[in-house]
């Protein structure tokens, strides 16, 4: 399937994929981290993941700092979590750090993924269809999953 799991106790790849899909289905926003001139920069982005979990898609206007940062350094990280800002989060919350390489989708590929994106985020249609908007694909390299506060698993994606 193109995945390799490490640092996992009593877990298997399919179970980990199921957990990731459940999290991604339940969340609409991710924190995107870019970097330029050794300065990190974070933004909230509405996202979707591809069915095979090898890609993550978000939209941005080309006249943004995040787009400029990605243009100069395509390595990005995203954080998706299910916290509720409660004390119970220390035990119950899960966070996933996603590392990968971002690039702009163009042509038929852009149109294909735009349809999937708008299925989850129909309220963003005017924004996404704007000529100044870029639909970005992150080719995922790894998922670092942290749950139960200290349980860490790393799922590597083989593209």
C-alpha atoms as a PDB file:
ATOM      1  CA  UNK A   1       0.000   0.000   0.000  1.00  0.00           C
ATOM      2  CA  UNK A   2       3.014   2.305   0.172  1.00  0.00           C
ATOM      3  CA  UNK A   3       3.312   2.877   3.925  1.00  0.00           C
ATOM      4  CA  UNK A   4       5.851   1.959   6.579  1.00  0.00           C
ATOM      5  CA  UNK A   5       5.036   2.198  10.297  1.00  0.00           C
ATOM      6  CA  UNK A   6       7.603   2.793  13.021  1.00  0.00           C
ATOM      7  CA  UNK A   7       7.591   3.569  16.736  1.00  0.00           C
ATOM      8  CA  UNK A   8       4.287   1.789  17.204  1.00  0.00           C
ATOM      9  CA  UNK A   9       3.341  -0.621  19.945  1.00  0.00           C
ATOM     10  CA  UNK A  10       0.553  -3.074  19.110  1.00  0.00           C
ATOM     11  CA  UNK A  11      -0.498  -1.154  16.006  1.00  0.00           C
ATOM     12  CA  UNK A  12      -0.700  -2.055  12.387  1.00  0.00           C
ATOM     13  CA  UNK A  13      -0.729   0.003   9.225  1.00  0.00           C
ATOM     14  CA  UNK A  14      -4.424  -0.479   8.380  1.00  0.00           C
ATOM     15  CA  UNK A  15      -5.545   0.412  11.900  1.00  0.00           C
ATOM     16  CA  UNK A  16      -3.373   3.535  11.775  1.00  0.00           C
ATOM     17  CA  UNK A  17      -4.804   4.503   8.382  1.00  0.00           C
ATOM     18  CA  UNK A  18      -8.335   4.052   9.742  1.00  0.00           C
ATOM     19  CA  UNK A  19      -7.536   6.325  12.704  1.00  0.00           C
ATOM     20  CA  UNK A  20      -6.105   8.977  10.372  1.00  0.00           C
ATOM     21  CA  UNK A  21      -9.135   8.838   8.075  1.00  0.00           C
ATOM     22  CA  UNK A  22     -11.468   9.228  11.040  1.00  0.00           C
ATOM     23  CA  UNK A  23      -9.544  12.279  12.269  1.00  0.00           C
ATOM     24  CA  UNK A  24      -9.360  13.899   8.831  1.00  0.00           C
ATOM     25  CA  UNK A  25     -13.072  13.312   8.211  1.00  0.00           C
ATOM     26  CA  UNK A  26     -13.911  15.032  11.498  1.00  0.00           C
ATOM     27  CA  UNK A  27     -11.680  18.100  11.068  1.00  0.00           C
ATOM     28  CA  UNK A  28     -11.888  20.955   8.573  1.00  0.00           C
ATOM     29  CA  UNK A  29      -8.856  23.019   9.529  1.00  0.00           C
ATOM     30  CA  UNK A  30      -5.138  22.390   9.804  1.00  0.00           C
ATOM     31  CA  UNK A  31      -2.268  24.581  10.921  1.00  0.00           C
ATOM     32  CA  UNK A  32       0.143  25.022   8.009  1.00  0.00           C
ATOM     33  CA  UNK A  33       3.759  25.826   8.791  1.00  0.00           C
ATOM     34  CA  UNK A  34       6.020  27.299   6.145  1.00  0.00           C
ATOM     35  CA  UNK A  35       9.452  28.844   6.393  1.00  0.00           C
ATOM     36  CA  UNK A  36      11.431  31.583   4.711  1.00  0.00           C
ATOM     37  CA  UNK A  37      14.836  32.941   5.630  1.00  0.00           C
ATOM     38  CA  UNK A  38      14.899  30.673   8.711  1.00  0.00           C
ATOM     39  CA  UNK A  39      11.672  32.238  10.002  1.00  0.00           C
ATOM     40  CA  UNK A  40       8.702  29.878  10.553  1.00  0.00           C
ATOM     41  CA  UNK A  41       5.219  31.081   9.690  1.00  0.00           C
ATOM     42  CA  UNK A  42       1.870  29.428  10.570  1.00  0.00           C
ATOM     43  CA  UNK A  43      -1.638  29.743   9.138  1.00  0.00           C
ATOM     44  CA  UNK A  44      -4.969  28.006   9.442  1.00  0.00           C
ATOM     45  CA  UNK A  45      -6.072  26.346   6.201  1.00  0.00           C
ATOM     46  CA  UNK A  46      -9.150  24.378   5.214  1.00  0.00           C
ATOM     47  CA  UNK A  47      -7.954  21.018   3.907  1.00  0.00           C
ATOM     48  CA  UNK A  48      -8.820  17.637   2.472  1.00  0.00           C
ATOM     49  CA  UNK A  49      -6.712  14.502   2.101  1.00  0.00           C
ATOM     50  CA  UNK A  50      -6.620  12.273  -0.936  1.00  0.00           C
ATOM     51  CA  UNK A  51      -8.234   8.844  -0.653  1.00  0.00           C
ATOM     52  CA  UNK A  52      -4.850   7.126  -0.561  1.00  0.00           C
ATOM     53  CA  UNK A  53      -3.548   9.505   2.178  1.00  0.00           C
ATOM     54  CA  UNK A  54      -0.566  10.398  -0.009  1.00  0.00           C
ATOM     55  CA  UNK A  55      -1.693  13.979  -0.583  1.00  0.00           C
ATOM     56  CA  UNK A  56      -3.220  16.845   1.348  1.00  0.00           C
ATOM     57  CA  UNK A  57      -4.892  19.755  -0.449  1.00  0.00           C
ATOM     58  CA  UNK A  58      -5.538  23.320   0.649  1.00  0.00           C
ATOM     59  CA  UNK A  59      -6.301  26.614  -1.078  1.00  0.00           C
ATOM     60  CA  UNK A  60      -4.566  29.954  -0.773  1.00  0.00           C
ATOM     61  CA  UNK A  61      -4.418  33.237  -2.579  1.00  0.00           C
ATOM     62  CA  UNK A  62      -1.203  33.664  -4.548  1.00  0.00           C
ATOM     63  CA  UNK A  63      -0.627  37.097  -2.974  1.00  0.00           C
ATOM     64  CA  UNK A  64      -0.041  35.664   0.510  1.00  0.00           C
ATOM     65  CA  UNK A  65       3.035  35.147   2.620  1.00  0.00           C
ATOM     66  CA  UNK A  66       2.365  31.396   2.772  1.00  0.00           C
ATOM     67  CA  UNK A  67       2.330  31.164  -1.034  1.00  0.00           C
ATOM     68  CA  UNK A  68       5.558  33.186  -1.252  1.00  0.00           C
ATOM     69  CA  UNK A  69       7.152  31.004   1.414  1.00  0.00           C
ATOM     70  CA  UNK A  70       6.180  27.799  -0.398  1.00  0.00           C
ATOM     71  CA  UNK A  71       7.506  29.240  -3.666  1.00  0.00           C
ATOM     72  CA  UNK A  72      10.928  29.707  -2.061  1.00  0.00           C
ATOM     73  CA  UNK A  73      10.893  26.564   0.136  1.00  0.00           C
ATOM     74  CA  UNK A  74       8.348  23.868  -0.717  1.00  0.00           C
ATOM     75  CA  UNK A  75       8.916  21.845   2.483  1.00  0.00           C
ATOM     76  CA  UNK A  76       5.913  22.272   4.761  1.00  0.00           C
ATOM     77  CA  UNK A  77       4.399  20.810   7.894  1.00  0.00           C
ATOM     78  CA  UNK A  78       0.770  20.732   8.948  1.00  0.00           C
ATOM     79  CA  UNK A  79      -0.876  19.946  12.259  1.00  0.00           C
ATOM     80  CA  UNK A  80      -4.340  18.427  12.522  1.00  0.00           C
ATOM     81  CA  UNK A  81      -5.775  17.675  15.959  1.00  0.00           C
ATOM     82  CA  UNK A  82      -9.041  16.962  17.713  1.00  0.00           C
ATOM     83  CA  UNK A  83      -8.588  18.886  20.952  1.00  0.00           C
ATOM     84  CA  UNK A  84     -11.483  20.458  22.810  1.00  0.00           C
ATOM     85  CA  UNK A  85      -9.418  22.758  25.028  1.00  0.00           C
ATOM     86  CA  UNK A  86     -10.300  20.678  28.089  1.00  0.00           C
ATOM     87  CA  UNK A  87      -8.129  18.996  30.717  1.00  0.00           C
ATOM     88  CA  UNK A  88      -9.215  15.658  29.243  1.00  0.00           C
ATOM     89  CA  UNK A  89      -7.251  16.569  26.092  1.00  0.00           C
ATOM     90  CA  UNK A  90      -4.041  15.575  27.854  1.00  0.00           C
ATOM     91  CA  UNK A  91      -5.255  11.985  27.707  1.00  0.00           C
ATOM     92  CA  UNK A  92      -7.865  11.931  24.944  1.00  0.00           C
ATOM     93  CA  UNK A  93      -6.683  14.334  22.233  1.00  0.00           C
ATOM     94  CA  UNK A  94      -4.801  13.229  19.159  1.00  0.00           C
ATOM     95  CA  UNK A  95      -2.490  15.383  17.054  1.00  0.00           C
ATOM     96  CA  UNK A  96      -0.960  14.518  13.701  1.00  0.00           C
ATOM     97  CA  UNK A  97       2.063  16.287  12.268  1.00  0.00           C
ATOM     98  CA  UNK A  98       2.153  15.955   8.481  1.00  0.00           C
ATOM     99  CA  UNK A  99       5.419  16.617   6.641  1.00  0.00           C
ATOM    100  CA  UNK A 100       5.707  16.962   2.901  1.00  0.00           C
ATOM    101  CA  UNK A 101       6.424  18.950  -0.218  1.00  0.00           C
ATOM    102  CA  UNK A 102       3.859  21.498  -1.456  1.00  0.00           C
ATOM    103  CA  UNK A 103       3.191  22.509  -5.041  1.00  0.00           C
ATOM    104  CA  UNK A 104       0.404  24.204  -6.949  1.00  0.00           C
ATOM    105  CA  UNK A 105      -2.051  22.018  -8.837  1.00  0.00           C
ATOM    106  CA  UNK A 106      -2.662  23.053 -12.432  1.00  0.00           C
ATOM    107  CA  UNK A 107      -4.888  22.110 -15.355  1.00  0.00           C
ATOM    108  CA  UNK A 108      -7.020  18.970 -15.254  1.00  0.00           C
ATOM    109  CA  UNK A 109      -5.449  17.853 -11.999  1.00  0.00           C
ATOM    110  CA  UNK A 110      -6.500  21.119 -10.349  1.00  0.00           C
ATOM    111  CA  UNK A 111     -10.079  20.759 -11.578  1.00  0.00           C
ATOM    112  CA  UNK A 112     -10.262  17.134 -10.422  1.00  0.00           C
ATOM    113  CA  UNK A 113      -9.128  17.909  -6.881  1.00  0.00           C
ATOM    114  CA  UNK A 114     -11.148  21.117  -6.719  1.00  0.00           C
ATOM    115  CA  UNK A 115     -14.316  19.023  -6.984  1.00  0.00           C
ATOM    116  CA  UNK A 116     -13.216  16.883  -4.016  1.00  0.00           C
ATOM    117  CA  UNK A 117     -12.198  19.989  -2.078  1.00  0.00           C
ATOM    118  CA  UNK A 118     -15.558  21.672  -2.657  1.00  0.00           C
ATOM    119  CA  UNK A 119     -17.426  18.552  -1.553  1.00  0.00           C
ATOM    120  CA  UNK A 120     -15.994  19.070   1.950  1.00  0.00           C
ATOM    121  CA  UNK A 121     -15.865  22.890   1.799  1.00  0.00           C
ATOM    122  CA  UNK A 122     -18.766  24.069  -0.425  1.00  0.00           C
ATOM    123  CA  UNK A 123     -18.839  27.398   1.435  1.00  0.00           C
ATOM    124  CA  UNK A 124     -15.403  28.210  -0.077  1.00  0.00           C
ATOM    125  CA  UNK A 125     -16.457  27.879  -3.724  1.00  0.00           C
ATOM    126  CA  UNK A 126     -16.210  31.591  -4.608  1.00  0.00           C
ATOM    127  CA  UNK A 127     -12.783  31.780  -2.970  1.00  0.00           C
ATOM    128  CA  UNK A 128     -11.422  28.611  -4.597  1.00  0.00           C
ATOM    129  CA  UNK A 129     -12.709  29.506  -8.072  1.00  0.00           C
ATOM    130  CA  UNK A 130     -11.218  33.005  -7.902  1.00  0.00           C
ATOM    131  CA  UNK A 131      -8.425  33.556 -10.481  1.00  0.00           C
ATOM    132  CA  UNK A 132      -6.105  34.670  -7.665  1.00  0.00           C
ATOM    133  CA  UNK A 133      -6.527  31.398  -5.745  1.00  0.00           C
ATOM    134  CA  UNK A 134      -4.101  28.501  -5.958  1.00  0.00           C
ATOM    135  CA  UNK A 135      -5.056  24.949  -5.049  1.00  0.00           C
ATOM    136  CA  UNK A 136      -2.011  23.414  -3.386  1.00  0.00           C
ATOM    137  CA  UNK A 137      -1.107  19.731  -3.050  1.00  0.00           C
ATOM    138  CA  UNK A 138       1.217  18.507  -0.321  1.00  0.00           C
ATOM    139  CA  UNK A 139       2.933  15.257  -1.289  1.00  0.00           C
ATOM    140  CA  UNK A 140       2.959  13.670   2.156  1.00  0.00           C
ATOM    141  CA  UNK A 141       6.228  12.155   3.336  1.00  0.00           C
ATOM    142  CA  UNK A 142       5.177  11.196   6.867  1.00  0.00           C
ATOM    143  CA  UNK A 143       2.501  11.364   9.520  1.00  0.00           C
ATOM    144  CA  UNK A 144       3.624  11.620  13.133  1.00  0.00           C
ATOM    145  CA  UNK A 145       0.666  10.637  15.288  1.00  0.00           C
ATOM    146  CA  UNK A 146       0.590  11.506  18.980  1.00  0.00           C
ATOM    147  CA  UNK A 147      -2.224  10.301  21.210  1.00  0.00           C
ATOM    148  CA  UNK A 148      -2.684   9.543  24.891  1.00  0.00           C
ATOM    149  CA  UNK A 149      -0.260  12.450  25.488  1.00  0.00           C
ATOM    150  CA  UNK A 150       2.936  10.448  24.887  1.00  0.00           C
ATOM    151  CA  UNK A 151       2.111   7.612  22.495  1.00  0.00           C
ATOM    152  CA  UNK A 152       3.953   8.354  19.235  1.00  0.00           C
ATOM    153  CA  UNK A 153       3.695   6.515  15.916  1.00  0.00           C
ATOM    154  CA  UNK A 154       5.344   7.465  12.635  1.00  0.00           C
ATOM    155  CA  UNK A 155       3.733   6.448   9.363  1.00  0.00           C
ATOM    156  CA  UNK A 156       6.032   6.984   6.382  1.00  0.00           C
ATOM    157  CA  UNK A 157       4.438   7.408   2.964  1.00  0.00           C
ATOM    158  CA  UNK A 158       6.172   5.867  -0.003  1.00  0.00           C
ATOM    159  CA  UNK A 159       5.135   7.964  -3.022  1.00  0.00           C
END
